[in-house]
Amino acid sequence: MAIWRHPFAEWFEEEIGNHDFMRFRVDHTGIALKMLIENKFIGFMLNSIVEDSINNGSLKVIEYESLSRIPTRTIYLTYLKKNKNAKQIESLLKFLKSKNLEG
C-alpha cells in the first residue's frame, strides 16, 4: 500500500485534515472491494466496481458532498500491442474515435 500523491492527497487532506492513518491506496480493485466487504475500511470506489455489492446489500453508500472540487484523474485505456489488429480492438478504437469527434 502506498501513500496517495498529489493532487488527490491534497484534496483529501483539505476535506478531512492530515490523518495519515486514513490515507492509503490499494492498487488492486478486487482486494480493495474485498477489504470493504470484510469491513476493513471505508473508501472511494467507482460505482461500476461496487454496484453489485450495493444492490445486494453488502455495501452501503455514504452520502457525501465534497466541500471543494474533487480533482480529475488521468486514465489510460490500454491494450496488448500485438492485439492491435484484433477485430474487437479495431471496433473499439473506431467507436472511441467517432465519439471523440462528436464531443
PDB file of N, CA and C in Angstrom:
ATOM      1  N   MET A   1       0.836  -1.169   0.000  1.00  0.00           N
ATOM      2  CA  MET A   1       0.000   0.000   0.000  1.00  0.00           C
ATOM      3  C   MET A   1       0.889   1.243   0.000  1.00  0.00           C
ATOM      4  N   ALA A   2       0.491   2.211  -0.780  1.00  0.00           N
ATOM      5  CA  ALA A   2       1.292   3.431  -0.905  1.00  0.00           C
ATOM      6  C   ALA A   2       0.479   4.639  -0.463  1.00  0.00           C
ATOM      7  N   ILE A   3       1.174   5.673  -0.029  1.00  0.00           N
ATOM      8  CA  ILE A   3       0.518   6.932   0.315  1.00  0.00           C
ATOM      9  C   ILE A   3       0.059   7.600  -0.974  1.00  0.00           C
ATOM     10  N   TRP A   4      -1.162   8.136  -1.003  1.00  0.00           N
ATOM     11  CA  TRP A   4      -1.654   8.841  -2.178  1.00  0.00           C
ATOM     12  C   TRP A   4      -0.795  10.056  -2.466  1.00  0.00           C
ATOM     13  N   ARG A   5      -0.625  10.362  -3.699  1.00  0.00           N
ATOM     14  CA  ARG A   5       0.172  11.511  -4.120  1.00  0.00           C
ATOM     15  C   ARG A   5      -0.737  12.613  -4.639  1.00  0.00           C
ATOM     16  N   HIS A   6      -0.178  13.751  -4.942  1.00  0.00           N
ATOM     17  CA  HIS A   6      -0.887  14.939  -5.417  1.00  0.00           C
ATOM     18  C   HIS A   6      -1.613  14.639  -6.714  1.00  0.00           C
ATOM     19  N   PRO A   7      -2.690  15.302  -7.073  1.00  0.00           N
ATOM     20  CA  PRO A   7      -3.439  16.306  -6.317  1.00  0.00           C
ATOM     21  C   PRO A   7      -4.517  15.694  -5.421  1.00  0.00           C
ATOM     22  N   PHE A   8      -4.765  14.397  -5.578  1.00  0.00           N
ATOM     23  CA  PHE A   8      -5.829  13.768  -4.810  1.00  0.00           C
ATOM     24  C   PHE A   8      -5.554  13.844  -3.306  1.00  0.00           C
ATOM     25  N   ALA A   9      -4.300  13.625  -2.911  1.00  0.00           N
ATOM     26  CA  ALA A   9      -3.941  13.679  -1.492  1.00  0.00           C
ATOM     27  C   ALA A   9      -4.206  15.059  -0.912  1.00  0.00           C
ATOM     28  N   GLU A  10      -3.911  16.085  -1.674  1.00  0.00           N
ATOM     29  CA  GLU A  10      -4.153  17.451  -1.202  1.00  0.00           C
ATOM     30  C   GLU A  10      -5.646  17.696  -0.996  1.00  0.00           C
ATOM     31  N   TRP A  11      -6.464  17.258  -1.953  1.00  0.00           N
ATOM     32  CA  TRP A  11      -7.908  17.406  -1.821  1.00  0.00           C
ATOM     33  C   TRP A  11      -8.400  16.649  -0.592  1.00  0.00           C
ATOM     34  N   PHE A  12      -7.954  15.427  -0.435  1.00  0.00           N
ATOM     35  CA  PHE A  12      -8.388  14.583   0.674  1.00  0.00           C
ATOM     36  C   PHE A  12      -8.021  15.221   2.013  1.00  0.00           C
ATOM     37  N   GLU A  13      -6.806  15.763   2.102  1.00  0.00           N
ATOM     38  CA  GLU A  13      -6.374  16.416   3.339  1.00  0.00           C
ATOM     39  C   GLU A  13      -7.200  17.663   3.626  1.00  0.00           C
ATOM     40  N   GLU A  14      -7.538  18.410   2.585  1.00  0.00           N
ATOM     41  CA  GLU A  14      -8.399  19.583   2.769  1.00  0.00           C
ATOM     42  C   GLU A  14      -9.765  19.178   3.322  1.00  0.00           C
ATOM     43  N   GLU A  15     -10.255  18.037   2.884  1.00  0.00           N
ATOM     44  CA  GLU A  15     -11.583  17.573   3.294  1.00  0.00           C
ATOM     45  C   GLU A  15     -11.598  17.086   4.742  1.00  0.00           C
ATOM     46  N   ILE A  16     -10.606  16.292   5.138  1.00  0.00           N
ATOM     47  CA  ILE A  16     -10.681  15.633   6.449  1.00  0.00           C
ATOM     48  C   ILE A  16      -9.554  16.000   7.391  1.00  0.00           C
ATOM     49  N   GLY A  17      -8.569  16.752   6.917  1.00  0.00           N
ATOM     50  CA  GLY A  17      -7.409  17.060   7.751  1.00  0.00           C
ATOM     51  C   GLY A  17      -6.279  16.082   7.488  1.00  0.00           C
ATOM     52  N   ASN A  18      -5.174  16.262   8.167  1.00  0.00           N
ATOM     53  CA  ASN A  18      -3.989  15.432   7.954  1.00  0.00           C
ATOM     54  C   ASN A  18      -3.992  14.252   8.916  1.00  0.00           C
ATOM     55  N   HIS A  19      -4.571  13.157   8.490  1.00  0.00           N
ATOM     56  CA  HIS A  19      -4.645  11.929   9.284  1.00  0.00           C
ATOM     57  C   HIS A  19      -4.035  10.797   8.462  1.00  0.00           C
ATOM     58  N   ASP A  20      -2.741  10.548   8.643  1.00  0.00           N
ATOM     59  CA  ASP A  20      -2.057   9.537   7.828  1.00  0.00           C
ATOM     60  C   ASP A  20      -2.664   8.149   7.968  1.00  0.00           C
ATOM     61  N   PHE A  21      -3.243   7.841   9.121  1.00  0.00           N
ATOM     62  CA  PHE A  21      -3.832   6.518   9.297  1.00  0.00           C
ATOM     63  C   PHE A  21      -5.028   6.307   8.379  1.00  0.00           C
ATOM     64  N   MET A  22      -5.565   7.381   7.817  1.00  0.00           N
ATOM     65  CA  MET A  22      -6.723   7.264   6.938  1.00  0.00           C
ATOM     66  C   MET A  22      -6.349   7.291   5.465  1.00  0.00           C
ATOM     67  N   ARG A  23      -5.081   7.506   5.155  1.00  0.00           N
ATOM     68  CA  ARG A  23      -4.689   7.671   3.761  1.00  0.00           C
ATOM     69  C   ARG A  23      -3.835   6.510   3.276  1.00  0.00           C
ATOM     70  N   PHE A  24      -4.421   5.626   2.526  1.00  0.00           N
ATOM     71  CA  PHE A  24      -3.637   4.618   1.837  1.00  0.00           C
ATOM     72  C   PHE A  24      -4.354   4.234   0.561  1.00  0.00           C
ATOM     73  N   ARG A  25      -3.606   3.623  -0.326  1.00  0.00           N
ATOM     74  CA  ARG A  25      -4.158   3.274  -1.628  1.00  0.00           C
ATOM     75  C   ARG A  25      -3.952   1.788  -1.865  1.00  0.00           C
ATOM     76  N   VAL A  26      -4.970   1.142  -2.349  1.00  0.00           N
ATOM     77  CA  VAL A  26      -4.883  -0.250  -2.759  1.00  0.00           C
ATOM     78  C   VAL A  26      -5.015  -0.253  -4.272  1.00  0.00           C
ATOM     79  N   ASP A  27      -3.983  -0.716  -4.959  1.00  0.00           N
ATOM     80  CA  ASP A  27      -3.960  -0.649  -6.416  1.00  0.00           C
ATOM     81  C   ASP A  27      -4.686  -1.800  -7.103  1.00  0.00           C
ATOM     82  N   HIS A  28      -5.243  -2.703  -6.362  1.00  0.00           N
ATOM     83  CA  HIS A  28      -5.964  -3.829  -6.954  1.00  0.00           C
ATOM     84  C   HIS A  28      -7.418  -3.729  -6.524  1.00  0.00           C
ATOM     85  N   THR A  29      -8.302  -3.458  -7.479  1.00  0.00           N
ATOM     86  CA  THR A  29      -9.707  -3.215  -7.123  1.00  0.00           C
ATOM     87  C   THR A  29     -10.352  -4.417  -6.454  1.00  0.00           C
ATOM     88  N   GLY A  30      -9.954  -5.622  -6.843  1.00  0.00           N
ATOM     89  CA  GLY A  30     -10.519  -6.814  -6.221  1.00  0.00           C
ATOM     90  C   GLY A  30     -10.175  -6.894  -4.742  1.00  0.00           C
ATOM     91  N   ILE A  31      -8.935  -6.549  -4.398  1.00  0.00           N
ATOM     92  CA  ILE A  31      -8.514  -6.549  -2.996  1.00  0.00           C
ATOM     93  C   ILE A  31      -9.219  -5.437  -2.236  1.00  0.00           C
ATOM     94  N   ALA A  32      -9.311  -4.254  -2.857  1.00  0.00           N
ATOM     95  CA  ALA A  32      -9.991  -3.128  -2.207  1.00  0.00           C
ATOM     96  C   ALA A  32     -11.454  -3.478  -1.937  1.00  0.00           C
ATOM     97  N   LEU A  33     -12.124  -4.083  -2.902  1.00  0.00           N
ATOM     98  CA  LEU A  33     -13.525  -4.465  -2.726  1.00  0.00           C
ATOM     99  C   LEU A  33     -13.659  -5.497  -1.607  1.00  0.00           C
ATOM    100  N   LYS A  34     -12.757  -6.465  -1.590  1.00  0.00           N
ATOM    101  CA  LYS A  34     -12.776  -7.487  -0.528  1.00  0.00           C
ATOM    102  C   LYS A  34     -12.594  -6.841   0.842  1.00  0.00           C
ATOM    103  N   MET A  35     -11.673  -5.879   0.939  1.00  0.00           N
ATOM    104  CA  MET A  35     -11.441  -5.195   2.208  1.00  0.00           C
ATOM    105  C   MET A  35     -12.676  -4.400   2.640  1.00  0.00           C
ATOM    106  N   LEU A  36     -13.363  -3.789   1.692  1.00  0.00           N
ATOM    107  CA  LEU A  36     -14.596  -3.067   2.014  1.00  0.00           C
ATOM    108  C   LEU A  36     -15.657  -4.033   2.546  1.00  0.00           C
ATOM    109  N   ILE A  37     -15.840  -5.136   1.838  1.00  0.00           N
ATOM    110  CA  ILE A  37     -16.868  -6.104   2.218  1.00  0.00           C
ATOM    111  C   ILE A  37     -16.542  -6.755   3.563  1.00  0.00           C
ATOM    112  N   GLU A  38     -15.251  -6.955   3.851  1.00  0.00           N
ATOM    113  CA  GLU A  38     -14.845  -7.555   5.128  1.00  0.00           C
ATOM    114  C   GLU A  38     -14.768  -6.523   6.247  1.00  0.00           C
ATOM    115  N   ASN A  39     -15.237  -5.300   5.958  1.00  0.00           N
ATOM    116  CA  ASN A  39     -15.293  -4.234   6.957  1.00  0.00           C
ATOM    117  C   ASN A  39     -13.917  -3.834   7.483  1.00  0.00           C
ATOM    118  N   LYS A  40     -12.926  -3.814   6.584  1.00  0.00           N
ATOM    119  CA  LYS A  40     -11.573  -3.414   6.973  1.00  0.00           C
ATOM    120  C   LYS A  40     -11.403  -1.899   6.923  1.00  0.00           C
ATOM    121  N   PHE A  41     -12.210  -1.218   6.097  1.00  0.00           N
ATOM    122  CA  PHE A  41     -12.100   0.232   5.963  1.00  0.00           C
ATOM    123  C   PHE A  41     -13.270   0.771   5.166  1.00  0.00           C
ATOM    124  N   ILE A  42     -13.324   2.084   5.040  1.00  0.00           N
ATOM    125  CA  ILE A  42     -14.255   2.728   4.113  1.00  0.00           C
ATOM    126  C   ILE A  42     -13.409   3.331   3.012  1.00  0.00           C
ATOM    127  N   GLY A  43     -13.997   3.587   1.860  1.00  0.00           N
ATOM    128  CA  GLY A  43     -13.173   4.132   0.792  1.00  0.00           C
ATOM    129  C   GLY A  43     -13.980   4.611  -0.394  1.00  0.00           C
ATOM    130  N   PHE A  44     -13.281   5.322  -1.255  1.00  0.00           N
ATOM    131  CA  PHE A  44     -13.844   5.802  -2.512  1.00  0.00           C
ATOM    132  C   PHE A  44     -13.647   4.718  -3.565  1.00  0.00           C
ATOM    133  N   MET A  45     -14.727   4.339  -4.228  1.00  0.00           N
ATOM    134  CA  MET A  45     -14.643   3.320  -5.276  1.00  0.00           C
ATOM    135  C   MET A  45     -15.548   3.743  -6.429  1.00  0.00           C
ATOM    136  N   LEU A  46     -15.189   3.309  -7.619  1.00  0.00           N
ATOM    137  CA  LEU A  46     -16.040   3.551  -8.778  1.00  0.00           C
ATOM    138  C   LEU A  46     -17.351   2.790  -8.616  1.00  0.00           C
ATOM    139  N   ASN A  47     -18.437   3.422  -9.001  1.00  0.00           N
ATOM    140  CA  ASN A  47     -19.747   2.792  -8.920  1.00  0.00           C
ATOM    141  C   ASN A  47     -19.763   1.457  -9.663  1.00  0.00           C
ATOM    142  N   SER A  48     -19.126   1.398 -10.822  1.00  0.00           N
ATOM    143  CA  SER A  48     -19.140   0.172 -11.621  1.00  0.00           C
ATOM    144  C   SER A  48     -18.504  -1.005 -10.880  1.00  0.00           C
ATOM    145  N   ILE A  49     -17.618  -0.736  -9.937  1.00  0.00           N
ATOM    146  CA  ILE A  49     -16.943  -1.801  -9.189  1.00  0.00           C
ATOM    147  C   ILE A  49     -17.805  -2.277  -8.019  1.00  0.00           C
ATOM    148  N   VAL A  50     -18.498  -1.373  -7.358  1.00  0.00           N
ATOM    149  CA  VAL A  50     -19.246  -1.732  -6.141  1.00  0.00           C
ATOM    150  C   VAL A  50     -20.754  -1.872  -6.349  1.00  0.00           C
ATOM    151  N   GLU A  51     -21.235  -1.614  -7.544  1.00  0.00           N
ATOM    152  CA  GLU A  51     -22.678  -1.601  -7.801  1.00  0.00           C
ATOM    153  C   GLU A  51     -23.379  -2.883  -7.356  1.00  0.00           C
ATOM    154  N   ASP A  52     -22.829  -4.044  -7.714  1.00  0.00           N
ATOM    155  CA  ASP A  52     -23.471  -5.311  -7.318  1.00  0.00           C
ATOM    156  C   ASP A  52     -23.518  -5.459  -5.804  1.00  0.00           C
ATOM    157  N   SER A  53     -22.435  -5.081  -5.130  1.00  0.00           N
ATOM    158  CA  SER A  53     -22.382  -5.200  -3.668  1.00  0.00           C
ATOM    159  C   SER A  53     -23.337  -4.230  -2.989  1.00  0.00           C
ATOM    160  N   ILE A  54     -23.554  -3.084  -3.604  1.00  0.00           N
ATOM    161  CA  ILE A  54     -24.534  -2.127  -3.071  1.00  0.00           C
ATOM    162  C   ILE A  54     -25.943  -2.680  -3.275  1.00  0.00           C
ATOM    163  N   ASN A  55     -26.199  -3.185  -4.477  1.00  0.00           N
ATOM    164  CA  ASN A  55     -27.535  -3.712  -4.797  1.00  0.00           C
ATOM    165  C   ASN A  55     -27.912  -4.918  -3.942  1.00  0.00           C
ATOM    166  N   ASN A  56     -26.921  -5.771  -3.593  1.00  0.00           N
ATOM    167  CA  ASN A  56     -27.259  -6.947  -2.779  1.00  0.00           C
ATOM    168  C   ASN A  56     -27.170  -6.669  -1.286  1.00  0.00           C
ATOM    169  N   GLY A  57     -26.862  -5.422  -0.914  1.00  0.00           N
ATOM    170  CA  GLY A  57     -26.866  -5.034   0.486  1.00  0.00           C
ATOM    171  C   GLY A  57     -25.574  -5.273   1.233  1.00  0.00           C
ATOM    172  N   SER A  58     -24.527  -5.757   0.557  1.00  0.00           N
ATOM    173  CA  SER A  58     -23.242  -5.989   1.224  1.00  0.00           C
ATOM    174  C   SER A  58     -22.560  -4.686   1.601  1.00  0.00           C
ATOM    175  N   LEU A  59     -22.722  -3.675   0.758  1.00  0.00           N
ATOM    176  CA  LEU A  59     -22.116  -2.367   0.999  1.00  0.00           C
ATOM    177  C   LEU A  59     -23.201  -1.299   0.999  1.00  0.00           C
ATOM    178  N   LYS A  60     -22.912  -0.224   1.674  1.00  0.00           N
ATOM    179  CA  LYS A  60     -23.838   0.908   1.717  1.00  0.00           C
ATOM    180  C   LYS A  60     -23.097   2.163   1.284  1.00  0.00           C
ATOM    181  N   VAL A  61     -23.744   2.969   0.483  1.00  0.00           N
ATOM    182  CA  VAL A  61     -23.185   4.236   0.039  1.00  0.00           C
ATOM    183  C   VAL A  61     -23.282   5.246   1.173  1.00  0.00           C
ATOM    184  N   ILE A  62     -22.199   5.957   1.424  1.00  0.00           N
ATOM    185  CA  ILE A  62     -22.204   7.056   2.387  1.00  0.00           C
ATOM    186  C   ILE A  62     -22.420   8.324   1.576  1.00  0.00           C
ATOM    187  N   GLU A  63     -23.551   8.971   1.789  1.00  0.00           N
ATOM    188  CA  GLU A  63     -23.821  10.205   1.066  1.00  0.00           C
ATOM    189  C   GLU A  63     -22.800  11.249   1.502  1.00  0.00           C
ATOM    190  N   TYR A  64     -22.107  11.831   0.544  1.00  0.00           N
ATOM    191  CA  TYR A  64     -21.057  12.791   0.866  1.00  0.00           C
ATOM    192  C   TYR A  64     -20.972  13.824  -0.240  1.00  0.00           C
ATOM    193  N   GLU A  65     -20.943  15.065   0.136  1.00  0.00           N
ATOM    194  CA  GLU A  65     -20.763  16.138  -0.827  1.00  0.00           C
ATOM    195  C   GLU A  65     -19.481  16.872  -0.464  1.00  0.00           C
ATOM    196  N   SER A  66     -18.552  16.881  -1.387  1.00  0.00           N
ATOM    197  CA  SER A  66     -17.248  17.491  -1.148  1.00  0.00           C
ATOM    198  C   SER A  66     -17.374  18.994  -0.922  1.00  0.00           C
ATOM    199  N   LEU A  67     -16.545  19.509  -0.044  1.00  0.00           N
ATOM    200  CA  LEU A  67     -16.508  20.944   0.201  1.00  0.00           C
ATOM    201  C   LEU A  67     -15.833  21.685  -0.952  1.00  0.00           C
ATOM    202  N   SER A  68     -14.980  20.988  -1.666  1.00  0.00           N
ATOM    203  CA  SER A  68     -14.284  21.584  -2.815  1.00  0.00           C
ATOM    204  C   SER A  68     -14.320  20.602  -3.980  1.00  0.00           C
ATOM    205  N   ARG A  69     -13.943  21.068  -5.140  1.00  0.00           N
ATOM    206  CA  ARG A  69     -13.966  20.247  -6.356  1.00  0.00           C
ATOM    207  C   ARG A  69     -12.987  19.084  -6.229  1.00  0.00           C
ATOM    208  N   ILE A  70     -13.462  17.882  -6.490  1.00  0.00           N
ATOM    209  CA  ILE A  70     -12.595  16.704  -6.470  1.00  0.00           C
ATOM    210  C   ILE A  70     -11.718  16.751  -7.719  1.00  0.00           C
ATOM    211  N   PRO A  71     -10.409  16.594  -7.561  1.00  0.00           N
ATOM    212  CA  PRO A  71      -9.524  16.706  -8.724  1.00  0.00           C
ATOM    213  C   PRO A  71      -9.779  15.608  -9.752  1.00  0.00           C
ATOM    214  N   THR A  72      -9.579  15.967 -11.007  1.00  0.00           N
ATOM    215  CA  THR A  72      -9.715  14.981 -12.072  1.00  0.00           C
ATOM    216  C   THR A  72      -8.482  14.094 -12.079  1.00  0.00           C
ATOM    217  N   ARG A  73      -8.634  12.905 -12.619  1.00  0.00           N
ATOM    218  CA  ARG A  73      -7.535  11.952 -12.704  1.00  0.00           C
ATOM    219  C   ARG A  73      -7.339  11.589 -14.160  1.00  0.00           C
ATOM    220  N   THR A  74      -6.098  11.429 -14.560  1.00  0.00           N
ATOM    221  CA  THR A  74      -5.799  10.971 -15.913  1.00  0.00           C
ATOM    222  C   THR A  74      -5.844   9.450 -15.913  1.00  0.00           C
ATOM    223  N   ILE A  75      -6.575   8.890 -16.876  1.00  0.00           N
ATOM    224  CA  ILE A  75      -6.627   7.440 -17.015  1.00  0.00           C
ATOM    225  C   ILE A  75      -6.234   7.079 -18.443  1.00  0.00           C
ATOM    226  N   TYR A  76      -5.803   5.856 -18.632  1.00  0.00           N
ATOM    227  CA  TYR A  76      -5.382   5.390 -19.944  1.00  0.00           C
ATOM    228  C   TYR A  76      -6.100   4.100 -20.280  1.00  0.00           C
ATOM    229  N   LEU A  77      -6.621   4.027 -21.477  1.00  0.00           N
ATOM    230  CA  LEU A  77      -7.176   2.791 -21.999  1.00  0.00           C
ATOM    231  C   LEU A  77      -6.027   2.094 -22.709  1.00  0.00           C
ATOM    232  N   THR A  78      -5.707   0.902 -22.306  1.00  0.00           N
ATOM    233  CA  THR A  78      -4.549   0.205 -22.872  1.00  0.00           C
ATOM    234  C   THR A  78      -4.961  -1.142 -23.442  1.00  0.00           C
ATOM    235  N   TYR A  79      -4.137  -1.658 -24.314  1.00  0.00           N
ATOM    236  CA  TYR A  79      -4.321  -2.994 -24.856  1.00  0.00           C
ATOM    237  C   TYR A  79      -2.955  -3.560 -25.191  1.00  0.00           C
ATOM    238  N   LEU A  80      -2.874  -4.874 -25.296  1.00  0.00           N
ATOM    239  CA  LEU A  80      -1.635  -5.538 -25.645  1.00  0.00           C
ATOM    240  C   LEU A  80      -1.300  -5.195 -27.091  1.00  0.00           C
ATOM    241  N   LYS A  81      -0.114  -4.648 -27.313  1.00  0.00           N
ATOM    242  CA  LYS A  81       0.262  -4.112 -28.620  1.00  0.00           C
ATOM    243  C   LYS A  81       0.092  -5.140 -29.744  1.00  0.00           C
ATOM    244  N   LYS A  82       0.429  -6.380 -29.469  1.00  0.00           N
ATOM    245  CA  LYS A  82       0.327  -7.392 -30.525  1.00  0.00           C
ATOM    246  C   LYS A  82      -1.123  -7.672 -30.924  1.00  0.00           C
ATOM    247  N   ASN A  83      -2.094  -7.217 -30.131  1.00  0.00           N
ATOM    248  CA  ASN A  83      -3.512  -7.422 -30.438  1.00  0.00           C
ATOM    249  C   ASN A  83      -4.141  -6.248 -31.171  1.00  0.00           C
ATOM    250  N   LYS A  84      -3.327  -5.283 -31.605  1.00  0.00           N
ATOM    251  CA  LYS A  84      -3.872  -4.064 -32.204  1.00  0.00           C
ATOM    252  C   LYS A  84      -4.817  -4.352 -33.369  1.00  0.00           C
ATOM    253  N   ASN A  85      -4.544  -5.365 -34.129  1.00  0.00           N
ATOM    254  CA  ASN A  85      -5.367  -5.645 -35.299  1.00  0.00           C
ATOM    255  C   ASN A  85      -6.529  -6.585 -35.012  1.00  0.00           C
ATOM    256  N   ALA A  86      -6.698  -6.972 -33.777  1.00  0.00           N
ATOM    257  CA  ALA A  86      -7.836  -7.823 -33.437  1.00  0.00           C
ATOM    258  C   ALA A  86      -9.123  -7.052 -33.721  1.00  0.00           C
ATOM    259  N   LYS A  87     -10.141  -7.737 -34.212  1.00  0.00           N
ATOM    260  CA  LYS A  87     -11.392  -7.081 -34.604  1.00  0.00           C
ATOM    261  C   LYS A  87     -12.024  -6.298 -33.457  1.00  0.00           C
ATOM    262  N   GLN A  88     -11.978  -6.846 -32.234  1.00  0.00           N
ATOM    263  CA  GLN A  88     -12.586  -6.164 -31.094  1.00  0.00           C
ATOM    264  C   GLN A  88     -11.866  -4.844 -30.810  1.00  0.00           C
ATOM    265  N   ILE A  89     -10.534  -4.866 -30.887  1.00  0.00           N
ATOM    266  CA  ILE A  89      -9.747  -3.653 -30.623  1.00  0.00           C
ATOM    267  C   ILE A  89     -10.017  -2.625 -31.705  1.00  0.00           C
ATOM    268  N   GLU A  90     -10.004  -3.058 -32.952  1.00  0.00           N
ATOM    269  CA  GLU A  90     -10.274  -2.137 -34.060  1.00  0.00           C
ATOM    270  C   GLU A  90     -11.655  -1.501 -33.913  1.00  0.00           C
ATOM    271  N   SER A  91     -12.656  -2.308 -33.570  1.00  0.00           N
ATOM    272  CA  SER A  91     -14.019  -1.789 -33.406  1.00  0.00           C
ATOM    273  C   SER A  91     -14.090  -0.786 -32.260  1.00  0.00           C
ATOM    274  N   LEU A  92     -13.454  -1.113 -31.153  1.00  0.00           N
ATOM    275  CA  LEU A  92     -13.471  -0.206 -30.008  1.00  0.00           C
ATOM    276  C   LEU A  92     -12.770   1.104 -30.338  1.00  0.00           C
ATOM    277  N   LEU A  93     -11.593   1.035 -30.959  1.00  0.00           N
ATOM    278  CA  LEU A  93     -10.864   2.253 -31.310  1.00  0.00           C
ATOM    279  C   LEU A  93     -11.656   3.114 -32.286  1.00  0.00           C
ATOM    280  N   LYS A  94     -12.300   2.485 -33.251  1.00  0.00           N
ATOM    281  CA  LYS A  94     -13.122   3.213 -34.211  1.00  0.00           C
ATOM    282  C   LYS A  94     -14.284   3.906 -33.489  1.00  0.00           C
ATOM    283  N   PHE A  95     -14.935   3.189 -32.587  1.00  0.00           N
ATOM    284  CA  PHE A  95     -16.040   3.752 -31.818  1.00  0.00           C
ATOM    285  C   PHE A  95     -15.571   4.938 -30.986  1.00  0.00           C
ATOM    286  N   LEU A  96     -14.459   4.768 -30.264  1.00  0.00           N
ATOM    287  CA  LEU A  96     -13.954   5.842 -29.410  1.00  0.00           C
ATOM    288  C   LEU A  96     -13.560   7.074 -30.218  1.00  0.00           C
ATOM    289  N   LYS A  97     -12.941   6.854 -31.358  1.00  0.00           N
ATOM    290  CA  LYS A  97     -12.565   7.994 -32.217  1.00  0.00           C
ATOM    291  C   LYS A  97     -13.814   8.725 -32.705  1.00  0.00           C
ATOM    292  N   SER A  98     -14.845   7.991 -33.041  1.00  0.00           N
ATOM    293  CA  SER A  98     -16.076   8.640 -33.515  1.00  0.00           C
ATOM    294  C   SER A  98     -16.733   9.453 -32.379  1.00  0.00           C
ATOM    295  N   LYS A  99     -16.703   8.942 -31.149  1.00  0.00           N
ATOM    296  CA  LYS A  99     -17.282   9.663 -30.009  1.00  0.00           C
ATOM    297  C   LYS A  99     -16.464  10.909 -29.691  1.00  0.00           C
ATOM    298  N   ASN A 100     -15.156  10.810 -29.849  1.00  0.00           N
ATOM    299  CA  ASN A 100     -14.274  11.942 -29.564  1.00  0.00           C
ATOM    300  C   ASN A 100     -14.526  13.075 -30.552  1.00  0.00           C
ATOM    301  N   LEU A 101     -14.806  12.732 -31.782  1.00  0.00           N
ATOM    302  CA  LEU A 101     -15.078  13.753 -32.805  1.00  0.00           C
ATOM    303  C   LEU A 101     -16.413  14.448 -32.557  1.00  0.00           C
ATOM    304  N   GLU A 102     -17.375  13.703 -31.972  1.00  0.00           N
ATOM    305  CA  GLU A 102     -18.691  14.276 -31.701  1.00  0.00           C
ATOM    306  C   GLU A 102     -18.636  15.294 -30.584  1.00  0.00           C
ATOM    307  N   GLY A 103     -17.756  15.044 -29.565  1.00  0.00           N
ATOM    308  CA  GLY A 103     -17.690  15.902 -28.387  1.00  0.00           C
ATOM    309  C   GLY A 103     -17.041  17.206 -28.707  1.00  0.00           C
TER     310      GLY A 103
END
